[in-house]
Full PDB file with SEQRES, HELIX, SHEET, SSBOND, CRYST1, ORIGX, SCALE, CONECT and MASTER records, all heavy atoms in Angstrom:
SEQRES   1 A   40  MET GLY LEU GLY VAL THR GLN MET SER ALA PHE SER SER          
SEQRES   2 A   40  THR HIS PRO GLY GLY TYR ALA ASP ARG ALA GLU SER GLY          
SEQRES   3 A   40  GLU GLN PHE MET ILE ASP ASP SER ARG THR PRO ALA GLU          
SEQRES   4 A   40  PHE                                                          
CRYST1    1.000    1.000    1.000  90.00  90.00  90.00 P 1           1          
ORIGX1      1.000000  0.000000  0.000000        0.00000                         
ORIGX2      0.000000  1.000000  0.000000        0.00000                         
ORIGX3      0.000000  0.000000  1.000000        0.00000                         
SCALE1      1.000000  0.000000  0.000000        0.00000                         
SCALE2      0.000000  1.000000  0.000000        0.00000                         
SCALE3      0.000000  0.000000  1.000000        0.00000                         
ATOM      1  N   MET A   1     115.411-105.324 212.781  1.00  0.00           N  
ATOM      2  CA  MET A   1     116.554-105.900 212.175  1.00  0.00           C  
ATOM      3  C   MET A   1     117.681-105.995 213.146  1.00  0.00           C  
ATOM      4  O   MET A   1     118.089-105.034 213.709  1.00  0.00           O  
ATOM      5  CB  MET A   1     116.866-104.995 210.910  1.00  0.00           C  
ATOM      6  CG  MET A   1     116.015-105.111 209.735  1.00  0.00           C  
ATOM      7  SD  MET A   1     116.528-104.046 208.459  1.00  0.00           S  
ATOM      8  CE  MET A   1     115.274-104.223 207.244  1.00  0.00           C  
ATOM      9  N   GLY A   2     118.153-107.235 213.417  1.00  0.00           N  
ATOM     10  CA  GLY A   2     119.296-107.370 214.275  1.00  0.00           C  
ATOM     11  C   GLY A   2     118.944-107.660 215.678  1.00  0.00           C  
ATOM     12  O   GLY A   2     119.862-108.062 216.500  1.00  0.00           O  
ATOM     13  N   LEU A   3     117.617-107.448 216.061  1.00  0.00           N  
ATOM     14  CA  LEU A   3     117.300-107.618 217.391  1.00  0.00           C  
ATOM     15  C   LEU A   3     116.804-109.043 217.773  1.00  0.00           C  
ATOM     16  O   LEU A   3     116.856-109.430 218.923  1.00  0.00           O  
ATOM     17  CB  LEU A   3     116.047-106.619 217.724  1.00  0.00           C  
ATOM     18  CG  LEU A   3     116.463-105.185 217.986  1.00  0.00           C  
ATOM     19  CD1 LEU A   3     115.257-104.458 218.553  1.00  0.00           C  
ATOM     20  CD2 LEU A   3     117.609-105.079 219.064  1.00  0.00           C  
ATOM     21  N   GLY A   4     116.320-109.811 216.814  1.00  0.00           N  
ATOM     22  CA  GLY A   4     115.882-111.065 217.147  1.00  0.00           C  
ATOM     23  C   GLY A   4     115.196-111.774 215.991  1.00  0.00           C  
ATOM     24  O   GLY A   4     115.080-113.038 215.961  1.00  0.00           O  
ATOM     25  N   VAL A   5     114.646-111.030 215.078  1.00  0.00           N  
ATOM     26  CA  VAL A   5     114.001-111.512 213.937  1.00  0.00           C  
ATOM     27  C   VAL A   5     115.060-112.205 212.958  1.00  0.00           C  
ATOM     28  O   VAL A   5     116.121-111.682 212.770  1.00  0.00           O  
ATOM     29  CB  VAL A   5     113.284-110.469 213.180  1.00  0.00           C  
ATOM     30  CG1 VAL A   5     112.719-110.934 211.800  1.00  0.00           C  
ATOM     31  CG2 VAL A   5     112.151-109.900 213.967  1.00  0.00           C  
ATOM     32  N   THR A   6     114.663-113.402 212.428  1.00  0.00           N  
ATOM     33  CA  THR A   6     115.608-114.108 211.611  1.00  0.00           C  
ATOM     34  C   THR A   6     115.142-114.361 210.140  1.00  0.00           C  
ATOM     35  O   THR A   6     115.816-114.793 209.313  1.00  0.00           O  
ATOM     36  CB  THR A   6     115.962-115.554 212.250  1.00  0.00           C  
ATOM     37  OG1 THR A   6     114.765-116.223 212.411  1.00  0.00           O  
ATOM     38  CG2 THR A   6     116.666-115.315 213.623  1.00  0.00           C  
ATOM     39  N   GLN A   7     113.835-114.136 209.917  1.00  0.00           N  
ATOM     40  CA  GLN A   7     113.198-114.342 208.607  1.00  0.00           C  
ATOM     41  C   GLN A   7     112.318-113.242 208.330  1.00  0.00           C  
ATOM     42  O   GLN A   7     111.495-112.828 209.133  1.00  0.00           O  
ATOM     43  CB  GLN A   7     112.478-115.620 208.550  1.00  0.00           C  
ATOM     44  CG  GLN A   7     113.362-116.889 208.743  1.00  0.00           C  
ATOM     45  CD  GLN A   7     112.483-118.227 208.727  1.00  0.00           C  
ATOM     46  OE1 GLN A   7     111.464-118.241 208.138  1.00  0.00           O  
ATOM     47  NE2 GLN A   7     113.056-119.243 209.303  1.00  0.00           N  
ATOM     48  N   MET A   8     112.318-112.716 207.084  1.00  0.00           N  
ATOM     49  CA  MET A   8     111.395-111.702 206.664  1.00  0.00           C  
ATOM     50  C   MET A   8     110.931-111.929 205.204  1.00  0.00           C  
ATOM     51  O   MET A   8     111.819-112.435 204.343  1.00  0.00           O  
ATOM     52  CB  MET A   8     112.069-110.311 206.744  1.00  0.00           C  
ATOM     53  CG  MET A   8     112.255-109.800 208.173  1.00  0.00           C  
ATOM     54  SD  MET A   8     112.964-108.012 208.172  1.00  0.00           S  
ATOM     55  CE  MET A   8     112.564-107.560 209.836  1.00  0.00           C  
ATOM     56  N   SER A   9     109.757-111.473 204.859  1.00  0.00           N  
ATOM     57  CA  SER A   9     109.268-111.491 203.494  1.00  0.00           C  
ATOM     58  C   SER A   9     109.544-110.052 202.978  1.00  0.00           C  
ATOM     59  O   SER A   9     109.815-109.121 203.724  1.00  0.00           O  
ATOM     60  CB  SER A   9     107.838-111.851 203.386  1.00  0.00           C  
ATOM     61  OG  SER A   9     107.063-110.966 204.187  1.00  0.00           O  
ATOM     62  N   ALA A  10     109.495-109.957 201.749  1.00  0.00           N  
ATOM     63  CA  ALA A  10     109.703-108.636 200.934  1.00  0.00           C  
ATOM     64  C   ALA A  10     108.926-108.559 199.663  1.00  0.00           C  
ATOM     65  O   ALA A  10     108.812-109.552 199.002  1.00  0.00           O  
ATOM     66  CB  ALA A  10     111.200-108.408 200.644  1.00  0.00           C  
ATOM     67  N   PHE A  11     108.394-107.354 199.398  1.00  0.00           N  
ATOM     68  CA  PHE A  11     107.642-107.210 198.159  1.00  0.00           C  
ATOM     69  C   PHE A  11     106.549-108.162 197.937  1.00  0.00           C  
ATOM     70  O   PHE A  11     106.224-108.703 196.801  1.00  0.00           O  
ATOM     71  CB  PHE A  11     108.669-107.279 196.964  1.00  0.00           C  
ATOM     72  CG  PHE A  11     108.159-106.563 195.742  1.00  0.00           C  
ATOM     73  CD1 PHE A  11     107.825-105.216 195.804  1.00  0.00           C  
ATOM     74  CD2 PHE A  11     108.078-107.216 194.514  1.00  0.00           C  
ATOM     75  CE1 PHE A  11     107.440-104.506 194.657  1.00  0.00           C  
ATOM     76  CE2 PHE A  11     107.667-106.538 193.344  1.00  0.00           C  
ATOM     77  CZ  PHE A  11     107.393-105.163 193.366  1.00  0.00           C  
ATOM     78  N   SER A  12     105.821-108.575 199.066  1.00  0.00           N  
ATOM     79  CA  SER A  12     104.811-109.557 198.999  1.00  0.00           C  
ATOM     80  C   SER A  12     103.546-109.143 198.298  1.00  0.00           C  
ATOM     81  O   SER A  12     103.197-107.945 198.307  1.00  0.00           O  
ATOM     82  CB  SER A  12     104.496-109.999 200.381  1.00  0.00           C  
ATOM     83  OG  SER A  12     105.625-110.527 201.111  1.00  0.00           O  
ATOM     84  N   SER A  13     102.786-110.097 197.724  1.00  0.00           N  
ATOM     85  CA  SER A  13     101.547-109.848 197.243  1.00  0.00           C  
ATOM     86  C   SER A  13     100.595-110.935 197.843  1.00  0.00           C  
ATOM     87  O   SER A  13     100.910-112.153 197.937  1.00  0.00           O  
ATOM     88  CB  SER A  13     101.453-110.038 195.704  1.00  0.00           C  
ATOM     89  OG  SER A  13     100.143-110.137 195.181  1.00  0.00           O  
ATOM     90  N   THR A  14      99.394-110.573 198.334  1.00  0.00           N  
ATOM     91  CA  THR A  14      98.456-111.536 198.845  1.00  0.00           C  
ATOM     92  C   THR A  14      97.313-111.733 197.863  1.00  0.00           C  
ATOM     93  O   THR A  14      96.299-112.247 198.221  1.00  0.00           O  
ATOM     94  CB  THR A  14      97.846-111.051 200.132  1.00  0.00           C  
ATOM     95  OG1 THR A  14      97.075-109.805 199.968  1.00  0.00           O  
ATOM     96  CG2 THR A  14      98.944-110.658 201.175  1.00  0.00           C  
ATOM     97  N   HIS A  15      97.574-111.478 196.647  1.00  0.00           N  
ATOM     98  CA  HIS A  15      96.620-111.613 195.523  1.00  0.00           C  
ATOM     99  C   HIS A  15      97.117-112.814 194.701  1.00  0.00           C  
ATOM    100  O   HIS A  15      98.338-112.763 194.255  1.00  0.00           O  
ATOM    101  CB  HIS A  15      96.467-110.385 194.643  1.00  0.00           C  
ATOM    102  CG  HIS A  15      95.721-110.579 193.368  1.00  0.00           C  
ATOM    103  ND1 HIS A  15      94.427-110.619 193.350  1.00  0.00           N  
ATOM    104  CD2 HIS A  15      96.153-110.767 192.199  1.00  0.00           C  
ATOM    105  CE1 HIS A  15      93.986-110.792 192.093  1.00  0.00           C  
ATOM    106  NE2 HIS A  15      95.181-110.863 191.323  1.00  0.00           N  
ATOM    107  N   PRO A  16      96.303-113.756 194.388  1.00  0.00           N  
ATOM    108  CA  PRO A  16      96.715-114.852 193.451  1.00  0.00           C  
ATOM    109  C   PRO A  16      97.200-114.290 192.021  1.00  0.00           C  
ATOM    110  O   PRO A  16      96.354-113.621 191.444  1.00  0.00           O  
ATOM    111  CB  PRO A  16      95.508-115.775 193.338  1.00  0.00           C  
ATOM    112  CG  PRO A  16      94.774-115.485 194.643  1.00  0.00           C  
ATOM    113  CD  PRO A  16      95.003-114.049 194.861  1.00  0.00           C  
ATOM    114  N   GLY A  17      98.442-114.585 191.733  1.00  0.00           N  
ATOM    115  CA  GLY A  17      98.836-113.973 190.451  1.00  0.00           C  
ATOM    116  C   GLY A  17      99.442-112.596 190.596  1.00  0.00           C  
ATOM    117  O   GLY A  17      99.608-111.878 189.570  1.00  0.00           O  
ATOM    118  N   GLY A  18      99.831-112.186 191.799  1.00  0.00           N  
ATOM    119  CA  GLY A  18     100.252-110.842 192.063  1.00  0.00           C  
ATOM    120  C   GLY A  18     101.707-110.580 191.826  1.00  0.00           C  
ATOM    121  O   GLY A  18     102.052-109.386 192.066  1.00  0.00           O  
ATOM    122  N   TYR A  19     102.476-111.501 191.284  1.00  0.00           N  
ATOM    123  CA  TYR A  19     103.967-111.199 191.076  1.00  0.00           C  
ATOM    124  C   TYR A  19     104.169-110.938 189.585  1.00  0.00           C  
ATOM    125  O   TYR A  19     104.787-109.882 189.264  1.00  0.00           O  
ATOM    126  CB  TYR A  19     104.822-112.340 191.512  1.00  0.00           C  
ATOM    127  CG  TYR A  19     104.873-112.452 193.111  1.00  0.00           C  
ATOM    128  CD1 TYR A  19     104.054-113.299 193.757  1.00  0.00           C  
ATOM    129  CD2 TYR A  19     105.721-111.566 193.844  1.00  0.00           C  
ATOM    130  CE1 TYR A  19     104.089-113.339 195.158  1.00  0.00           C  
ATOM    131  CE2 TYR A  19     105.840-111.715 195.183  1.00  0.00           C  
ATOM    132  CZ  TYR A  19     104.974-112.511 195.864  1.00  0.00           C  
ATOM    133  OH  TYR A  19     104.987-112.634 197.218  1.00  0.00           O  
ATOM    134  N   ALA A  20     103.680-111.787 188.751  1.00  0.00           N  
ATOM    135  CA  ALA A  20     103.888-111.574 187.342  1.00  0.00           C  
ATOM    136  C   ALA A  20     103.064-110.407 186.866  1.00  0.00           C  
ATOM    137  O   ALA A  20     103.301-109.694 185.865  1.00  0.00           O  
ATOM    138  CB  ALA A  20     103.404-112.823 186.535  1.00  0.00           C  
ATOM    139  N   ASP A  21     101.813-110.168 187.580  1.00  0.00           N  
ATOM    140  CA  ASP A  21     100.991-108.983 187.233  1.00  0.00           C  
ATOM    141  C   ASP A  21     100.574-108.511 188.607  1.00  0.00           C  
ATOM    142  O   ASP A  21      99.574-108.829 189.174  1.00  0.00           O  
ATOM    143  CB  ASP A  21      99.727-109.586 186.494  1.00  0.00           C  
ATOM    144  CG  ASP A  21      98.788-108.508 186.149  1.00  0.00           C  
ATOM    145  OD1 ASP A  21      99.202-107.314 186.168  1.00  0.00           O  
ATOM    146  OD2 ASP A  21      97.605-108.756 185.786  1.00  0.00           O  
ATOM    147  N   ARG A  22     101.263-107.419 189.076  1.00  0.00           N  
ATOM    148  CA  ARG A  22     100.973-106.797 190.354  1.00  0.00           C  
ATOM    149  C   ARG A  22      99.533-106.283 190.328  1.00  0.00           C  
ATOM    150  O   ARG A  22      99.128-105.445 189.485  1.00  0.00           O  
ATOM    151  CB  ARG A  22     101.899-105.657 190.630  1.00  0.00           C  
ATOM    152  CG  ARG A  22     103.343-105.989 190.812  1.00  0.00           C  
ATOM    153  CD  ARG A  22     103.674-106.928 191.992  1.00  0.00           C  
ATOM    154  NE  ARG A  22     103.549-106.282 193.288  1.00  0.00           N  
ATOM    155  CZ  ARG A  22     104.047-106.844 194.384  1.00  0.00           C  
ATOM    156  NH1 ARG A  22     104.534-108.041 194.372  1.00  0.00           N  
ATOM    157  NH2 ARG A  22     103.938-106.275 195.494  1.00  0.00           N  
ATOM    158  N   ALA A  23      98.757-106.761 191.338  1.00  0.00           N  
ATOM    159  CA  ALA A  23      97.277-106.385 191.382  1.00  0.00           C  
ATOM    160  C   ALA A  23      96.888-106.343 192.824  1.00  0.00           C  
ATOM    161  O   ALA A  23      97.594-106.772 193.717  1.00  0.00           O  
ATOM    162  CB  ALA A  23      96.396-107.405 190.576  1.00  0.00           C  
ATOM    163  N   GLU A  24      95.749-105.656 193.104  1.00  0.00           N  
ATOM    164  CA  GLU A  24      95.305-105.501 194.390  1.00  0.00           C  
ATOM    165  C   GLU A  24      93.958-106.251 194.713  1.00  0.00           C  
ATOM    166  O   GLU A  24      93.682-106.613 195.821  1.00  0.00           O  
ATOM    167  CB  GLU A  24      95.056-104.068 194.639  1.00  0.00           C  
ATOM    168  CG  GLU A  24      96.291-103.216 194.636  1.00  0.00           C  
ATOM    169  CD  GLU A  24      96.128-101.746 194.924  1.00  0.00           C  
ATOM    170  OE1 GLU A  24      94.946-101.346 195.085  1.00  0.00           O  
ATOM    171  OE2 GLU A  24      97.085-100.999 194.917  1.00  0.00           O  
ATOM    172  N   SER A  25      93.134-106.393 193.662  1.00  0.00           N  
ATOM    173  CA  SER A  25      91.782-107.031 193.853  1.00  0.00           C  
ATOM    174  C   SER A  25      92.007-108.441 194.269  1.00  0.00           C  
ATOM    175  O   SER A  25      92.781-109.270 193.685  1.00  0.00           O  
ATOM    176  CB  SER A  25      90.942-106.997 192.652  1.00  0.00           C  
ATOM    177  OG  SER A  25      89.730-107.664 192.774  1.00  0.00           O  
ATOM    178  N   GLY A  26      91.177-108.928 195.263  1.00  0.00           N  
ATOM    179  CA  GLY A  26      91.297-110.303 195.733  1.00  0.00           C  
ATOM    180  C   GLY A  26      92.316-110.498 196.754  1.00  0.00           C  
ATOM    181  O   GLY A  26      92.560-111.718 197.069  1.00  0.00           O  
ATOM    182  N   GLU A  27      92.832-109.493 197.382  1.00  0.00           N  
ATOM    183  CA  GLU A  27      93.943-109.691 198.299  1.00  0.00           C  
ATOM    184  C   GLU A  27      93.254-110.223 199.705  1.00  0.00           C  
ATOM    185  O   GLU A  27      92.132-109.909 199.957  1.00  0.00           O  
ATOM    186  CB  GLU A  27      94.711-108.424 198.551  1.00  0.00           C  
ATOM    187  CG  GLU A  27      93.879-107.265 199.100  1.00  0.00           C  
ATOM    188  CD  GLU A  27      94.621-106.038 199.158  1.00  0.00           C  
ATOM    189  OE1 GLU A  27      95.854-105.998 198.749  1.00  0.00           O  
ATOM    190  OE2 GLU A  27      94.096-104.990 199.692  1.00  0.00           O  
ATOM    191  N   GLN A  28      94.140-110.840 200.529  1.00  0.00           N  
ATOM    192  CA  GLN A  28      93.568-111.376 201.759  1.00  0.00           C  
ATOM    193  C   GLN A  28      93.661-110.192 202.772  1.00  0.00           C  
ATOM    194  O   GLN A  28      92.750-110.049 203.649  1.00  0.00           O  
ATOM    195  CB  GLN A  28      94.473-112.448 202.311  1.00  0.00           C  
ATOM    196  CG  GLN A  28      93.954-113.070 203.558  1.00  0.00           C  
ATOM    197  CD  GLN A  28      94.833-114.164 204.109  1.00  0.00           C  
ATOM    198  OE1 GLN A  28      96.075-114.241 203.897  1.00  0.00           O  
ATOM    199  NE2 GLN A  28      94.275-115.154 204.875  1.00  0.00           N  
ATOM    200  N   PHE A  29      94.741-109.311 202.787  1.00  0.00           N  
ATOM    201  CA  PHE A  29      94.883-108.227 203.703  1.00  0.00           C  
ATOM    202  C   PHE A  29      95.727-107.263 203.033  1.00  0.00           C  
ATOM    203  O   PHE A  29      96.390-107.561 202.045  1.00  0.00           O  
ATOM    204  CB  PHE A  29      95.291-108.633 205.073  1.00  0.00           C  
ATOM    205  CG  PHE A  29      96.660-109.387 205.049  1.00  0.00           C  
ATOM    206  CD1 PHE A  29      97.825-108.689 205.006  1.00  0.00           C  
ATOM    207  CD2 PHE A  29      96.693-110.668 205.085  1.00  0.00           C  
ATOM    208  CE1 PHE A  29      99.036-109.339 204.920  1.00  0.00           C  
ATOM    209  CE2 PHE A  29      97.902-111.431 205.039  1.00  0.00           C  
ATOM    210  CZ  PHE A  29      99.036-110.737 204.946  1.00  0.00           C  
ATOM    211  N   MET A  30      95.792-105.987 203.509  1.00  0.00           N  
ATOM    212  CA  MET A  30      96.731-105.023 202.865  1.00  0.00           C  
ATOM    213  C   MET A  30      98.140-105.071 203.589  1.00  0.00           C  
ATOM    214  O   MET A  30      98.253-105.196 204.713  1.00  0.00           O  
ATOM    215  CB  MET A  30      96.086-103.598 203.156  1.00  0.00           C  
ATOM    216  CG  MET A  30      94.769-103.366 202.496  1.00  0.00           C  
ATOM    217  SD  MET A  30      94.006-101.854 203.104  1.00  0.00           S  
ATOM    218  CE  MET A  30      95.089-100.624 202.511  1.00  0.00           C  
ATOM    219  N   ILE A  31      99.142-105.078 202.668  1.00  0.00           N  
ATOM    220  CA  ILE A  31     100.458-105.050 203.227  1.00  0.00           C  
ATOM    221  C   ILE A  31     100.912-103.602 203.444  1.00  0.00           C  
ATOM    222  O   ILE A  31     100.235-102.671 203.110  1.00  0.00           O  
ATOM    223  CB  ILE A  31     101.466-105.799 202.249  1.00  0.00           C  
ATOM    224  CG1 ILE A  31     101.585-104.873 200.888  1.00  0.00           C  
ATOM    225  CG2 ILE A  31     101.074-107.108 201.911  1.00  0.00           C  
ATOM    226  CD1 ILE A  31     102.701-105.347 200.004  1.00  0.00           C  
ATOM    227  N   ASP A  32     101.987-103.422 204.227  1.00  0.00           N  
ATOM    228  CA  ASP A  32     102.351-102.088 204.636  1.00  0.00           C  
ATOM    229  C   ASP A  32     103.724-101.734 203.992  1.00  0.00           C  
ATOM    230  O   ASP A  32     103.944-100.706 203.456  1.00  0.00           O  
ATOM    231  CB  ASP A  32     102.475-101.993 206.130  1.00  0.00           C  
ATOM    232  CG  ASP A  32     102.441-100.600 206.642  1.00  0.00           C  
ATOM    233  OD1 ASP A  32     102.934 -99.705 205.901  1.00  0.00           O  
ATOM    234  OD2 ASP A  32     101.920-100.276 207.738  1.00  0.00           O  
ATOM    235  N   ASP A  33     104.680-102.655 204.122  1.00  0.00           N  
ATOM    236  CA  ASP A  33     106.123-102.426 203.601  1.00  0.00           C  
ATOM    237  C   ASP A  33     106.229-102.908 202.164  1.00  0.00           C  
ATOM    238  O   ASP A  33     106.248-104.162 201.952  1.00  0.00           O  
ATOM    239  CB  ASP A  33     107.145-103.158 204.486  1.00  0.00           C  
ATOM    240  CG  ASP A  33     108.539-102.838 204.192  1.00  0.00           C  
ATOM    241  OD1 ASP A  33     108.774-102.136 203.189  1.00  0.00           O  
ATOM    242  OD2 ASP A  33     109.450-103.284 204.881  1.00  0.00           O  
ATOM    243  N   SER A  34     106.235-101.962 201.260  1.00  0.00           N  
ATOM    244  CA  SER A  34     106.172-102.377 199.883  1.00  0.00           C  
ATOM    245  C   SER A  34     107.482-102.148 199.123  1.00  0.00           C  
ATOM    246  O   SER A  34     107.531-102.169 197.927  1.00  0.00           O  
ATOM    247  CB  SER A  34     105.096-101.461 199.130  1.00  0.00           C  
ATOM    248  OG  SER A  34     105.356-100.115 199.203  1.00  0.00           O  
ATOM    249  N   ARG A  35     108.575-102.115 199.881  1.00  0.00           N  
ATOM    250  CA  ARG A  35     109.898-101.942 199.232  1.00  0.00           C  
ATOM    251  C   ARG A  35     110.198-103.214 198.295  1.00  0.00           C  
ATOM    252  O   ARG A  35     109.836-104.321 198.709  1.00  0.00           O  
ATOM    253  CB  ARG A  35     111.000-101.842 200.365  1.00  0.00           C  
ATOM    254  CG  ARG A  35     111.107-100.462 200.952  1.00  0.00           C  
ATOM    255  CD  ARG A  35     112.098-100.530 202.044  1.00  0.00           C  
ATOM    256  NE  ARG A  35     111.651-101.198 203.257  1.00  0.00           N  
ATOM    257  CZ  ARG A  35     112.236-101.304 204.368  1.00  0.00           C  
ATOM    258  NH1 ARG A  35     113.449-100.802 204.547  1.00  0.00           N  
ATOM    259  NH2 ARG A  35     111.758-101.921 205.371  1.00  0.00           N  
ATOM    260  N   THR A  36     110.911-102.912 197.311  1.00  0.00           N  
ATOM    261  CA  THR A  36     111.356-103.965 196.406  1.00  0.00           C  
ATOM    262  C   THR A  36     112.340-104.854 197.047  1.00  0.00           C  
ATOM    263  O   THR A  36     112.974-104.416 198.100  1.00  0.00           O  
ATOM    264  CB  THR A  36     111.984-103.365 195.124  1.00  0.00           C  
ATOM    265  OG1 THR A  36     113.247-102.802 195.347  1.00  0.00           O  
ATOM    266  CG2 THR A  36     111.071-102.369 194.371  1.00  0.00           C  
ATOM    267  N   PRO A  37     112.517-106.089 196.564  1.00  0.00           N  
ATOM    268  CA  PRO A  37     113.613-106.927 197.229  1.00  0.00           C  
ATOM    269  C   PRO A  37     114.945-106.271 197.264  1.00  0.00           C  
ATOM    270  O   PRO A  37     115.735-106.332 198.278  1.00  0.00           O  
ATOM    271  CB  PRO A  37     113.634-108.146 196.289  1.00  0.00           C  
ATOM    272  CG  PRO A  37     112.237-108.230 195.768  1.00  0.00           C  
ATOM    273  CD  PRO A  37     111.823-106.784 195.553  1.00  0.00           C  
ATOM    274  N   ALA A  38     115.350-105.591 196.221  1.00  0.00           N  
ATOM    275  CA  ALA A  38     116.672-104.908 196.186  1.00  0.00           C  
ATOM    276  C   ALA A  38     116.748-103.823 197.244  1.00  0.00           C  
ATOM    277  O   ALA A  38     117.737-103.626 197.913  1.00  0.00           O  
ATOM    278  CB  ALA A  38     116.920-104.339 194.790  1.00  0.00           C  
ATOM    279  N   GLU A  39     115.697-102.979 197.397  1.00  0.00           N  
ATOM    280  CA  GLU A  39     115.697-101.965 198.406  1.00  0.00           C  
ATOM    281  C   GLU A  39     115.706-102.533 199.815  1.00  0.00           C  
ATOM    282  O   GLU A  39     116.347-102.021 200.647  1.00  0.00           O  
ATOM    283  CB  GLU A  39     114.334-101.158 198.205  1.00  0.00           C  
ATOM    284  CG  GLU A  39     114.316-100.309 196.981  1.00  0.00           C  
ATOM    285  CD  GLU A  39     112.996 -99.656 196.704  1.00  0.00           C  
ATOM    286  OE1 GLU A  39     111.994-100.211 197.257  1.00  0.00           O  
ATOM    287  OE2 GLU A  39     112.964 -98.634 195.989  1.00  0.00           O  
ATOM    288  N   PHE A  40     114.970-103.614 199.988  1.00  0.00           N  
ATOM    289  CA  PHE A  40     115.020-104.256 201.285  1.00  0.00           C  
ATOM    290  C   PHE A  40     116.389-104.799 201.634  1.00  0.00           C  
ATOM    291  O   PHE A  40     116.779-104.726 202.786  1.00  0.00           O  
ATOM    292  CB  PHE A  40     113.862-105.370 201.360  1.00  0.00           C  
ATOM    293  CG  PHE A  40     113.606-105.823 202.761  1.00  0.00           C  
ATOM    294  CD1 PHE A  40     113.131-104.947 203.729  1.00  0.00           C  
ATOM    295  CD2 PHE A  40     113.996-107.079 203.127  1.00  0.00           C  
ATOM    296  CE1 PHE A  40     112.880-105.407 205.077  1.00  0.00           C  
ATOM    297  CE2 PHE A  40     113.823-107.538 204.461  1.00  0.00           C  
ATOM    298  CZ  PHE A  40     113.204-106.628 205.466  1.00  0.00           C  
TER     299      PHE A  40                                                      
MASTER        0    0    0    0    0    0    0    6  298    1    0    4          
END                                                                             
């Protein structure tokens, strides 16, 4: 943050339908930073 990056995602889901119903099955890869948008 502040060093050069200008765009970031937050609270991402790589599973189709993963926002209205947070799920893990069918994901493309595992995410690491799981902070909520407000926390981020």
